[in-house]
Amino acid sequence: MFNEFSQADNTTTRKYGGTGLGFDVDIANNGNEAIEAVEKRPYDLIFMDCHMPIMDGYDATKIIRQMELEQSQTALPIIALTANATREDREVCKKAGMNYVVTKPYQAADLAKCLQKFIPEKQI
């Protein structure tokens, strides 16, 4: 699942995630939608925008991690998508429970690298 706020990001995400790399993609426009989606179906990986309305990606990730603990589930790879690239920003992502950070603007190769790293059994 890709969880991004802006329309431009969603267009890029669909291009790279869906047809560009051959994966099915669901779009969540905010953290609440991401949580609802995770409750409804399994995902191999989530690309989570850090800054969204209603609920940001940090809080959504914390809730998803809590749900995984309560349900004794394996932790889903959650990849932060952010324009903030400082060491402190990366640490905030890590503390929220995100596994990796991709900075914007990103390219298909950046997403492919994450997919290969976190779900290598899937062919890209």
N, C-alpha and C. Protein backbone atom coordinates (compact mmCIF):
# COMPACT_ATOMS: atom_id res chain seq x y z
N MET A 1 0.85 -1.16 0.00
CA MET A 1 0.00 0.00 0.00
C MET A 1 0.90 1.23 0.00
N PHE A 2 0.47 2.23 -0.73
CA PHE A 2 1.11 3.53 -0.69
C PHE A 2 0.19 4.46 0.07
N ASN A 3 0.75 5.19 0.98
CA ASN A 3 -0.03 6.11 1.78
C ASN A 3 0.57 7.49 1.60
N GLU A 4 -0.05 8.28 0.72
CA GLU A 4 0.48 9.60 0.43
C GLU A 4 -0.64 10.60 0.34
N PHE A 5 -0.29 11.84 0.64
CA PHE A 5 -1.30 12.88 0.72
C PHE A 5 -1.55 13.62 -0.58
N SER A 6 -0.52 14.11 -1.22
CA SER A 6 -0.74 15.02 -2.35
C SER A 6 -1.13 14.27 -3.62
N GLN A 7 -1.90 14.93 -4.47
CA GLN A 7 -2.33 14.35 -5.73
C GLN A 7 -1.12 14.02 -6.62
N ALA A 8 -0.13 14.89 -6.62
CA ALA A 8 1.07 14.64 -7.41
C ALA A 8 1.78 13.38 -6.93
N ASP A 9 1.88 13.20 -5.62
CA ASP A 9 2.50 12.00 -5.08
C ASP A 9 1.70 10.76 -5.46
N ASN A 10 0.38 10.84 -5.38
CA ASN A 10 -0.45 9.69 -5.73
C ASN A 10 -0.26 9.29 -7.18
N THR A 11 -0.16 10.25 -8.08
CA THR A 11 0.05 9.95 -9.49
C THR A 11 1.40 9.25 -9.68
N THR A 12 2.43 9.76 -9.06
CA THR A 12 3.76 9.16 -9.15
C THR A 12 3.74 7.76 -8.56
N THR A 13 3.10 7.62 -7.43
CA THR A 13 3.02 6.33 -6.75
C THR A 13 2.33 5.29 -7.60
N ARG A 14 1.21 5.64 -8.19
CA ARG A 14 0.50 4.68 -9.05
C ARG A 14 1.38 4.28 -10.24
N LYS A 15 2.08 5.24 -10.79
CA LYS A 15 2.96 4.95 -11.93
C LYS A 15 4.07 3.99 -11.53
N TYR A 16 4.76 4.31 -10.45
CA TYR A 16 5.90 3.49 -10.04
C TYR A 16 5.47 2.20 -9.36
N GLY A 17 4.50 2.29 -8.50
CA GLY A 17 4.12 1.12 -7.72
C GLY A 17 3.23 0.16 -8.47
N GLY A 18 2.31 0.67 -9.23
CA GLY A 18 1.35 -0.20 -9.90
C GLY A 18 1.92 -0.79 -11.16
N THR A 19 1.74 -0.10 -12.26
CA THR A 19 2.18 -0.65 -13.54
C THR A 19 3.68 -0.58 -13.71
N GLY A 20 4.34 0.42 -13.15
CA GLY A 20 5.77 0.59 -13.35
C GLY A 20 6.60 -0.55 -12.79
N LEU A 21 6.22 -1.08 -11.64
CA LEU A 21 6.99 -2.16 -11.03
C LEU A 21 6.19 -3.46 -10.95
N GLY A 22 4.95 -3.44 -11.38
CA GLY A 22 4.18 -4.66 -11.46
C GLY A 22 3.48 -5.09 -10.19
N PHE A 23 3.22 -4.20 -9.27
CA PHE A 23 2.53 -4.55 -8.03
C PHE A 23 1.15 -3.92 -7.98
N ASP A 24 0.24 -4.59 -7.28
CA ASP A 24 -1.06 -3.98 -7.00
C ASP A 24 -0.85 -2.92 -5.94
N VAL A 25 -1.52 -1.79 -6.10
CA VAL A 25 -1.32 -0.66 -5.20
C VAL A 25 -2.66 -0.17 -4.68
N ASP A 26 -2.75 0.03 -3.39
CA ASP A 26 -3.87 0.72 -2.77
C ASP A 26 -3.36 2.06 -2.28
N ILE A 27 -4.18 3.08 -2.42
CA ILE A 27 -3.81 4.42 -1.98
C ILE A 27 -4.64 4.79 -0.76
N ALA A 28 -3.98 5.25 0.28
CA ALA A 28 -4.65 5.81 1.45
C ALA A 28 -4.25 7.28 1.51
N ASN A 29 -5.21 8.15 1.71
CA ASN A 29 -4.95 9.59 1.69
C ASN A 29 -4.56 10.17 3.03
N ASN A 30 -4.66 9.37 4.08
CA ASN A 30 -4.25 9.83 5.41
C ASN A 30 -4.01 8.61 6.28
N GLY A 31 -3.50 8.85 7.47
CA GLY A 31 -3.18 7.75 8.37
C GLY A 31 -4.37 6.90 8.76
N ASN A 32 -5.52 7.53 8.96
CA ASN A 32 -6.72 6.77 9.31
C ASN A 32 -7.06 5.77 8.21
N GLU A 33 -7.00 6.21 6.96
CA GLU A 33 -7.29 5.31 5.84
C GLU A 33 -6.27 4.17 5.76
N ALA A 34 -5.03 4.46 6.09
CA ALA A 34 -3.99 3.41 6.08
C ALA A 34 -4.30 2.34 7.12
N ILE A 35 -4.68 2.77 8.31
CA ILE A 35 -5.01 1.82 9.38
C ILE A 35 -6.22 0.98 8.98
N GLU A 36 -7.25 1.63 8.45
CA GLU A 36 -8.44 0.89 8.01
C GLU A 36 -8.08 -0.14 6.94
N ALA A 37 -7.21 0.23 6.01
CA ALA A 37 -6.82 -0.70 4.95
C ALA A 37 -6.08 -1.90 5.52
N VAL A 38 -5.17 -1.67 6.45
CA VAL A 38 -4.40 -2.75 7.06
C VAL A 38 -5.32 -3.69 7.85
N GLU A 39 -6.36 -3.14 8.44
CA GLU A 39 -7.32 -3.97 9.17
C GLU A 39 -8.13 -4.87 8.24
N LYS A 40 -8.30 -4.45 6.99
CA LYS A 40 -9.17 -5.16 6.05
C LYS A 40 -8.46 -6.24 5.24
N ARG A 41 -7.16 -6.03 4.95
CA ARG A 41 -6.48 -7.01 4.10
C ARG A 41 -4.98 -7.02 4.39
N PRO A 42 -4.31 -8.10 4.04
CA PRO A 42 -2.86 -8.17 4.26
C PRO A 42 -2.09 -7.41 3.17
N TYR A 43 -0.97 -6.88 3.55
CA TYR A 43 -0.08 -6.18 2.61
C TYR A 43 1.32 -6.75 2.75
N ASP A 44 2.10 -6.66 1.67
CA ASP A 44 3.50 -7.07 1.72
C ASP A 44 4.38 -5.96 2.27
N LEU A 45 3.98 -4.71 2.04
CA LEU A 45 4.81 -3.56 2.39
C LEU A 45 3.95 -2.30 2.31
N ILE A 46 4.28 -1.32 3.14
CA ILE A 46 3.60 -0.02 3.08
C ILE A 46 4.63 1.07 2.86
N PHE A 47 4.38 1.92 1.88
CA PHE A 47 5.12 3.17 1.72
C PHE A 47 4.26 4.22 2.40
N MET A 48 4.77 4.81 3.48
CA MET A 48 3.98 5.70 4.33
C MET A 48 4.51 7.13 4.27
N ASP A 49 3.68 8.04 3.78
CA ASP A 49 4.02 9.46 3.81
C ASP A 49 4.02 9.91 5.27
N CYS A 50 5.01 10.67 5.66
CA CYS A 50 5.11 11.09 7.05
C CYS A 50 4.15 12.23 7.40
N HIS A 51 3.87 13.11 6.45
CA HIS A 51 3.07 14.30 6.73
C HIS A 51 1.78 14.28 5.92
N MET A 52 0.68 14.02 6.63
CA MET A 52 -0.64 13.96 6.00
C MET A 52 -1.66 14.62 6.93
N PRO A 53 -2.81 14.97 6.38
CA PRO A 53 -3.86 15.53 7.23
C PRO A 53 -4.53 14.42 8.06
N ILE A 54 -5.31 14.81 9.00
CA ILE A 54 -6.10 13.94 9.87
C ILE A 54 -5.21 13.13 10.81
N MET A 55 -4.35 12.28 10.26
CA MET A 55 -3.37 11.55 11.06
C MET A 55 -2.11 11.38 10.23
N ASP A 56 -0.97 11.75 10.80
CA ASP A 56 0.27 11.65 10.04
C ASP A 56 0.79 10.21 10.02
N GLY A 57 1.80 10.00 9.21
CA GLY A 57 2.36 8.67 9.04
C GLY A 57 3.05 8.14 10.28
N TYR A 58 3.59 9.02 11.11
CA TYR A 58 4.24 8.57 12.34
C TYR A 58 3.22 7.91 13.27
N ASP A 59 2.11 8.61 13.50
CA ASP A 59 1.08 8.06 14.39
C ASP A 59 0.43 6.82 13.79
N ALA A 60 0.19 6.83 12.49
CA ALA A 60 -0.40 5.66 11.84
C ALA A 60 0.52 4.45 11.99
N THR A 61 1.80 4.66 11.83
CA THR A 61 2.77 3.56 11.98
C THR A 61 2.76 3.03 13.40
N LYS A 62 2.74 3.92 14.38
CA LYS A 62 2.70 3.49 15.79
C LYS A 62 1.46 2.63 16.05
N ILE A 63 0.33 3.02 15.51
CA ILE A 63 -0.91 2.26 15.72
C ILE A 63 -0.84 0.91 15.01
N ILE A 64 -0.31 0.89 13.79
CA ILE A 64 -0.16 -0.38 13.07
C ILE A 64 0.77 -1.31 13.85
N ARG A 65 1.86 -0.78 14.38
CA ARG A 65 2.79 -1.60 15.17
C ARG A 65 2.10 -2.15 16.42
N GLN A 66 1.28 -1.34 17.07
CA GLN A 66 0.55 -1.80 18.25
C GLN A 66 -0.44 -2.90 17.88
N MET A 67 -1.12 -2.74 16.76
CA MET A 67 -2.06 -3.77 16.28
C MET A 67 -1.32 -5.08 16.03
N GLU A 68 -0.15 -4.99 15.42
CA GLU A 68 0.64 -6.19 15.14
C GLU A 68 1.01 -6.91 16.43
N LEU A 69 1.42 -6.15 17.44
CA LEU A 69 1.76 -6.74 18.73
C LEU A 69 0.57 -7.42 19.37
N GLU A 70 -0.55 -6.73 19.39
CA GLU A 70 -1.76 -7.26 20.03
C GLU A 70 -2.26 -8.52 19.33
N GLN A 71 -2.02 -8.62 18.03
CA GLN A 71 -2.50 -9.77 17.24
C GLN A 71 -1.39 -10.79 16.96
N SER A 72 -0.24 -10.60 17.59
CA SER A 72 0.93 -11.49 17.41
C SER A 72 1.26 -11.70 15.94
N GLN A 73 1.24 -10.61 15.18
CA GLN A 73 1.56 -10.67 13.76
C GLN A 73 3.00 -10.26 13.52
N THR A 74 3.57 -10.76 12.43
CA THR A 74 4.89 -10.33 12.00
C THR A 74 4.82 -8.87 11.57
N ALA A 75 5.84 -8.11 11.91
CA ALA A 75 5.87 -6.69 11.56
C ALA A 75 5.95 -6.50 10.05
N LEU A 76 5.02 -5.74 9.53
CA LEU A 76 4.95 -5.39 8.12
C LEU A 76 6.02 -4.34 7.82
N PRO A 77 6.79 -4.47 6.74
CA PRO A 77 7.75 -3.42 6.42
C PRO A 77 7.00 -2.11 6.11
N ILE A 78 7.36 -1.06 6.83
CA ILE A 78 6.79 0.26 6.60
C ILE A 78 7.93 1.20 6.23
N ILE A 79 7.85 1.74 5.02
CA ILE A 79 8.89 2.60 4.48
C ILE A 79 8.40 4.04 4.51
N ALA A 80 9.15 4.90 5.17
CA ALA A 80 8.79 6.32 5.26
C ALA A 80 9.07 7.01 3.92
N LEU A 81 8.13 7.83 3.49
CA LEU A 81 8.32 8.71 2.34
C LEU A 81 8.27 10.13 2.87
N THR A 82 9.37 10.85 2.72
CA THR A 82 9.44 12.19 3.31
C THR A 82 10.39 13.08 2.53
N ALA A 83 10.12 14.36 2.58
CA ALA A 83 11.03 15.34 1.99
C ALA A 83 12.11 15.73 2.99
N ASN A 84 11.95 15.32 4.23
CA ASN A 84 12.91 15.65 5.29
C ASN A 84 13.98 14.57 5.34
N ALA A 85 15.22 14.96 5.18
CA ALA A 85 16.30 13.98 5.05
C ALA A 85 17.39 14.11 6.11
N THR A 86 17.14 14.84 7.17
CA THR A 86 18.18 14.99 8.19
C THR A 86 18.27 13.73 9.05
N ARG A 87 19.36 13.61 9.76
CA ARG A 87 19.55 12.48 10.68
C ARG A 87 18.43 12.46 11.73
N GLU A 88 18.05 13.64 12.21
CA GLU A 88 16.98 13.72 13.21
C GLU A 88 15.65 13.24 12.64
N ASP A 89 15.36 13.60 11.40
CA ASP A 89 14.12 13.15 10.75
C ASP A 89 14.11 11.62 10.62
N ARG A 90 15.22 11.07 10.24
CA ARG A 90 15.32 9.61 10.11
C ARG A 90 15.12 8.93 11.46
N GLU A 91 15.63 9.54 12.51
CA GLU A 91 15.48 8.99 13.85
C GLU A 91 14.02 9.01 14.30
N VAL A 92 13.29 10.06 13.96
CA VAL A 92 11.86 10.14 14.27
C VAL A 92 11.12 9.01 13.55
N CYS A 93 11.48 8.76 12.31
CA CYS A 93 10.86 7.66 11.56
C CYS A 93 11.13 6.32 12.23
N LYS A 94 12.37 6.12 12.63
CA LYS A 94 12.76 4.87 13.28
C LYS A 94 12.00 4.69 14.60
N LYS A 95 11.91 5.75 15.39
CA LYS A 95 11.21 5.67 16.67
C LYS A 95 9.72 5.39 16.49
N ALA A 96 9.15 5.82 15.38
CA ALA A 96 7.74 5.55 15.09
C ALA A 96 7.52 4.10 14.69
N GLY A 97 8.60 3.41 14.30
CA GLY A 97 8.48 2.01 13.90
C GLY A 97 8.66 1.77 12.42
N MET A 98 9.11 2.80 11.70
CA MET A 98 9.34 2.65 10.26
C MET A 98 10.68 1.95 10.04
N ASN A 99 10.74 1.13 9.00
CA ASN A 99 11.92 0.32 8.75
C ASN A 99 12.99 1.00 7.90
N TYR A 100 12.60 1.96 7.11
CA TYR A 100 13.53 2.55 6.14
C TYR A 100 12.94 3.90 5.71
N VAL A 101 13.78 4.76 5.16
CA VAL A 101 13.33 6.08 4.73
C VAL A 101 13.72 6.31 3.27
N VAL A 102 12.75 6.74 2.48
CA VAL A 102 12.99 7.17 1.09
C VAL A 102 12.65 8.65 1.04
N THR A 103 13.58 9.44 0.56
CA THR A 103 13.34 10.88 0.50
C THR A 103 12.76 11.28 -0.85
N LYS A 104 11.91 12.29 -0.78
CA LYS A 104 11.28 12.85 -1.99
C LYS A 104 12.19 13.94 -2.55
N PRO A 105 12.20 14.12 -3.84
CA PRO A 105 11.50 13.32 -4.83
C PRO A 105 12.20 11.98 -5.02
N TYR A 106 11.43 10.95 -5.24
CA TYR A 106 11.99 9.62 -5.45
C TYR A 106 11.74 9.16 -6.87
N GLN A 107 12.49 8.15 -7.25
CA GLN A 107 12.39 7.56 -8.58
C GLN A 107 11.96 6.10 -8.43
N ALA A 108 11.57 5.50 -9.54
CA ALA A 108 11.16 4.09 -9.52
C ALA A 108 12.26 3.20 -8.94
N ALA A 109 13.51 3.52 -9.23
CA ALA A 109 14.63 2.72 -8.72
C ALA A 109 14.69 2.75 -7.19
N ASP A 110 14.33 3.87 -6.59
CA ASP A 110 14.31 3.98 -5.13
C ASP A 110 13.27 3.03 -4.53
N LEU A 111 12.11 2.99 -5.15
CA LEU A 111 11.04 2.11 -4.67
C LEU A 111 11.39 0.65 -4.92
N ALA A 112 11.97 0.38 -6.08
CA ALA A 112 12.37 -0.98 -6.41
C ALA A 112 13.41 -1.51 -5.42
N LYS A 113 14.32 -0.65 -5.01
CA LYS A 113 15.34 -1.03 -4.03
C LYS A 113 14.69 -1.47 -2.72
N CYS A 114 13.68 -0.73 -2.29
CA CYS A 114 12.97 -1.08 -1.06
C CYS A 114 12.23 -2.40 -1.21
N LEU A 115 11.57 -2.58 -2.34
CA LEU A 115 10.84 -3.81 -2.58
C LEU A 115 11.78 -5.01 -2.57
N GLN A 116 12.93 -4.87 -3.21
CA GLN A 116 13.90 -5.96 -3.25
C GLN A 116 14.47 -6.26 -1.87
N LYS A 117 14.67 -5.21 -1.09
CA LYS A 117 15.24 -5.37 0.25
C LYS A 117 14.26 -6.03 1.22
N PHE A 118 13.00 -5.60 1.18
CA PHE A 118 12.05 -6.03 2.19
C PHE A 118 11.13 -7.16 1.77
N ILE A 119 10.95 -7.36 0.49
CA ILE A 119 10.17 -8.50 0.02
C ILE A 119 10.88 -9.14 -1.18
N PRO A 120 12.07 -9.71 -0.93
CA PRO A 120 12.89 -10.24 -2.03
C PRO A 120 12.26 -11.42 -2.75
N GLU A 121 11.31 -12.08 -2.10
CA GLU A 121 10.65 -13.22 -2.75
C GLU A 121 9.75 -12.79 -3.91
N LYS A 122 9.40 -11.52 -3.95
CA LYS A 122 8.59 -10.98 -5.04
C LYS A 122 9.54 -10.56 -6.16
N GLN A 123 9.29 -10.98 -7.36
CA GLN A 123 10.15 -10.63 -8.50
C GLN A 123 9.77 -9.26 -9.04
N ILE A 124 10.77 -8.42 -9.24
CA ILE A 124 10.54 -7.08 -9.79
C ILE A 124 11.02 -7.06 -11.21
